[in-house]
Amino acid sequence: MPNPDESQDMLEKADDTVERIIQHLLRWPCDLTDARRLMRSFQASAANFQQALARLEEAVVQPSSTMVFASV
């Protein structure tokens, strides 16, 4: 049976990975052309990368104060 603390740690790590991908793409949007390299670089799963793109799309379509954009 999985330890609840380990599950929480895995979720937090996934959220951190997604946030790092978002911040990277906001700073260097041209890097989107090489998604596989970014996934390797951030040790992200396809699900992490897809989640990052979905959140990034939401931020661009409907900006809110919850999304902090990286400075260029």
N, C-alpha and C. Protein backbone atom coordinates (compact mmCIF):
# COMPACT_ATOMS: atom_id res chain seq x y z
N MET A 1 0.85 -1.18 0.00
CA MET A 1 0.00 0.00 0.00
C MET A 1 0.90 1.25 0.00
N PRO A 2 0.63 2.18 -0.93
CA PRO A 2 1.47 3.37 -1.00
C PRO A 2 1.33 4.26 0.22
N ASN A 3 2.42 4.85 0.59
CA ASN A 3 2.45 5.77 1.72
C ASN A 3 1.82 7.09 1.28
N PRO A 4 0.85 7.63 2.05
CA PRO A 4 0.21 8.90 1.66
C PRO A 4 1.20 10.06 1.55
N ASP A 5 2.23 10.05 2.39
CA ASP A 5 3.24 11.11 2.32
C ASP A 5 4.01 11.05 1.01
N GLU A 6 4.31 9.83 0.55
CA GLU A 6 5.02 9.66 -0.72
C GLU A 6 4.16 10.12 -1.88
N SER A 7 2.86 9.82 -1.82
CA SER A 7 1.94 10.26 -2.87
C SER A 7 1.88 11.78 -2.94
N GLN A 8 1.82 12.42 -1.79
CA GLN A 8 1.78 13.88 -1.73
C GLN A 8 3.07 14.48 -2.29
N ASP A 9 4.20 13.87 -1.95
CA ASP A 9 5.49 14.35 -2.47
C ASP A 9 5.55 14.24 -3.98
N MET A 10 5.02 13.14 -4.52
CA MET A 10 5.01 12.94 -5.97
C MET A 10 4.13 14.00 -6.65
N LEU A 11 2.99 14.31 -6.06
CA LEU A 11 2.10 15.33 -6.62
C LEU A 11 2.75 16.70 -6.59
N GLU A 12 3.41 17.03 -5.48
CA GLU A 12 4.10 18.32 -5.38
C GLU A 12 5.23 18.42 -6.39
N LYS A 13 5.96 17.33 -6.59
CA LYS A 13 7.05 17.33 -7.57
C LYS A 13 6.49 17.53 -8.98
N ALA A 14 5.37 16.88 -9.28
CA ALA A 14 4.75 17.04 -10.59
C ALA A 14 4.29 18.47 -10.80
N ASP A 15 3.69 19.08 -9.78
CA ASP A 15 3.25 20.48 -9.88
C ASP A 15 4.44 21.41 -10.09
N ASP A 16 5.54 21.14 -9.40
CA ASP A 16 6.74 21.95 -9.55
C ASP A 16 7.30 21.82 -10.97
N THR A 17 7.30 20.61 -11.50
CA THR A 17 7.79 20.37 -12.85
C THR A 17 6.94 21.12 -13.86
N VAL A 18 5.63 21.06 -13.69
CA VAL A 18 4.72 21.76 -14.59
C VAL A 18 4.98 23.27 -14.54
N GLU A 19 5.12 23.80 -13.34
CA GLU A 19 5.37 25.24 -13.18
C GLU A 19 6.70 25.65 -13.82
N ARG A 20 7.72 24.83 -13.68
CA ARG A 20 9.02 25.14 -14.28
C ARG A 20 8.93 25.14 -15.81
N ILE A 21 8.17 24.21 -16.37
CA ILE A 21 7.99 24.17 -17.83
C ILE A 21 7.26 25.43 -18.29
N ILE A 22 6.21 25.82 -17.57
CA ILE A 22 5.45 27.02 -17.92
C ILE A 22 6.36 28.24 -17.92
N GLN A 23 7.11 28.41 -16.86
CA GLN A 23 7.99 29.58 -16.76
C GLN A 23 9.04 29.58 -17.87
N HIS A 24 9.57 28.41 -18.20
CA HIS A 24 10.56 28.31 -19.27
C HIS A 24 9.95 28.72 -20.60
N LEU A 25 8.75 28.21 -20.90
CA LEU A 25 8.12 28.52 -22.18
C LEU A 25 7.68 29.98 -22.26
N LEU A 26 7.35 30.57 -21.14
CA LEU A 26 7.02 31.99 -21.16
C LEU A 26 8.25 32.83 -21.50
N ARG A 27 9.39 32.38 -21.04
CA ARG A 27 10.62 33.12 -21.30
C ARG A 27 11.18 32.82 -22.69
N TRP A 28 11.12 31.56 -23.11
CA TRP A 28 11.65 31.14 -24.41
C TRP A 28 10.59 30.35 -25.18
N PRO A 29 9.58 31.01 -25.74
CA PRO A 29 8.50 30.30 -26.42
C PRO A 29 8.97 29.50 -27.64
N CYS A 30 10.06 29.88 -28.25
CA CYS A 30 10.55 29.15 -29.41
C CYS A 30 10.99 27.73 -29.04
N ASP A 31 11.27 27.48 -27.77
CA ASP A 31 11.67 26.14 -27.34
C ASP A 31 10.54 25.13 -27.44
N LEU A 32 9.33 25.60 -27.67
CA LEU A 32 8.20 24.69 -27.81
C LEU A 32 8.38 23.77 -29.01
N THR A 33 9.18 24.19 -29.98
CA THR A 33 9.39 23.37 -31.17
C THR A 33 10.13 22.07 -30.86
N ASP A 34 10.80 21.99 -29.73
CA ASP A 34 11.52 20.77 -29.36
C ASP A 34 11.01 20.25 -28.01
N ALA A 35 9.77 19.79 -28.02
CA ALA A 35 9.11 19.35 -26.79
C ALA A 35 9.84 18.17 -26.14
N ARG A 36 10.34 17.26 -26.95
CA ARG A 36 11.01 16.09 -26.39
C ARG A 36 12.26 16.49 -25.61
N ARG A 37 13.01 17.46 -26.12
CA ARG A 37 14.20 17.94 -25.41
C ARG A 37 13.80 18.59 -24.09
N LEU A 38 12.74 19.39 -24.11
CA LEU A 38 12.27 20.01 -22.87
C LEU A 38 11.83 18.96 -21.86
N MET A 39 11.14 17.94 -22.31
CA MET A 39 10.69 16.89 -21.39
C MET A 39 11.89 16.20 -20.74
N ARG A 40 12.92 15.93 -21.54
CA ARG A 40 14.13 15.32 -20.97
C ARG A 40 14.81 16.28 -20.01
N SER A 41 14.91 17.54 -20.39
CA SER A 41 15.59 18.54 -19.58
C SER A 41 14.93 18.72 -18.22
N PHE A 42 13.60 18.71 -18.18
CA PHE A 42 12.86 18.90 -16.94
C PHE A 42 12.46 17.58 -16.29
N GLN A 43 12.88 16.47 -16.88
CA GLN A 43 12.50 15.13 -16.40
C GLN A 43 10.99 15.06 -16.21
N ALA A 44 10.28 15.51 -17.24
CA ALA A 44 8.83 15.58 -17.20
C ALA A 44 8.21 14.46 -18.02
N SER A 45 7.07 14.00 -17.55
CA SER A 45 6.32 13.01 -18.31
C SER A 45 5.50 13.73 -19.38
N ALA A 46 4.94 12.96 -20.29
CA ALA A 46 4.07 13.55 -21.30
C ALA A 46 2.87 14.21 -20.63
N ALA A 47 2.38 13.61 -19.56
CA ALA A 47 1.24 14.19 -18.83
C ALA A 47 1.62 15.53 -18.20
N ASN A 48 2.84 15.62 -17.63
CA ASN A 48 3.32 16.89 -17.06
C ASN A 48 3.37 17.96 -18.15
N PHE A 49 3.91 17.60 -19.30
CA PHE A 49 4.06 18.56 -20.38
C PHE A 49 2.70 19.00 -20.90
N GLN A 50 1.79 18.06 -21.04
CA GLN A 50 0.44 18.39 -21.50
C GLN A 50 -0.26 19.31 -20.51
N GLN A 51 -0.09 19.04 -19.23
CA GLN A 51 -0.69 19.88 -18.19
C GLN A 51 -0.11 21.30 -18.25
N ALA A 52 1.18 21.40 -18.46
CA ALA A 52 1.82 22.71 -18.56
C ALA A 52 1.28 23.48 -19.75
N LEU A 53 1.12 22.81 -20.88
CA LEU A 53 0.59 23.49 -22.06
C LEU A 53 -0.85 23.93 -21.85
N ALA A 54 -1.64 23.11 -21.19
CA ALA A 54 -3.04 23.47 -20.92
C ALA A 54 -3.11 24.68 -20.00
N ARG A 55 -2.29 24.70 -18.95
CA ARG A 55 -2.28 25.85 -18.03
C ARG A 55 -1.76 27.10 -18.72
N LEU A 56 -0.77 26.93 -19.59
CA LEU A 56 -0.23 28.06 -20.33
C LEU A 56 -1.30 28.63 -21.27
N GLU A 57 -2.03 27.76 -21.92
CA GLU A 57 -3.11 28.20 -22.80
C GLU A 57 -4.17 28.98 -22.03
N GLU A 58 -4.54 28.49 -20.85
CA GLU A 58 -5.51 29.19 -20.01
C GLU A 58 -5.00 30.58 -19.66
N ALA A 59 -3.73 30.68 -19.32
CA ALA A 59 -3.15 31.96 -18.92
C ALA A 59 -3.13 32.95 -20.07
N VAL A 60 -2.94 32.45 -21.27
CA VAL A 60 -2.89 33.34 -22.43
C VAL A 60 -4.29 33.75 -22.86
N VAL A 61 -5.22 32.81 -22.84
CA VAL A 61 -6.59 33.10 -23.28
C VAL A 61 -7.33 33.94 -22.24
N GLN A 62 -7.19 33.57 -20.96
CA GLN A 62 -7.87 34.29 -19.89
C GLN A 62 -6.86 34.60 -18.79
N PRO A 63 -6.09 35.67 -18.94
CA PRO A 63 -5.09 36.00 -17.92
C PRO A 63 -5.75 36.27 -16.57
N SER A 64 -5.08 35.82 -15.53
CA SER A 64 -5.56 36.09 -14.18
C SER A 64 -4.36 36.45 -13.31
N SER A 65 -4.66 36.88 -12.13
CA SER A 65 -3.57 37.28 -11.23
C SER A 65 -2.86 36.08 -10.63
N THR A 66 -3.38 34.86 -10.81
CA THR A 66 -2.74 33.68 -10.23
C THR A 66 -1.52 33.22 -11.03
N MET A 67 -1.43 33.60 -12.30
CA MET A 67 -0.31 33.20 -13.13
C MET A 67 0.74 34.30 -13.11
N VAL A 68 1.92 33.98 -12.66
CA VAL A 68 3.01 34.94 -12.60
C VAL A 68 3.88 34.72 -13.81
N PHE A 69 3.99 35.73 -14.66
CA PHE A 69 4.78 35.62 -15.87
C PHE A 69 6.24 35.91 -15.58
N ALA A 70 7.10 35.15 -16.21
CA ALA A 70 8.54 35.36 -16.04
C ALA A 70 8.94 36.65 -16.72
N SER A 71 9.90 37.32 -16.12
CA SER A 71 10.38 38.55 -16.75
C SER A 71 11.35 38.18 -17.86
N VAL A 72 11.32 38.95 -18.91
CA VAL A 72 12.17 38.67 -20.06
C VAL A 72 13.41 39.50 -20.01
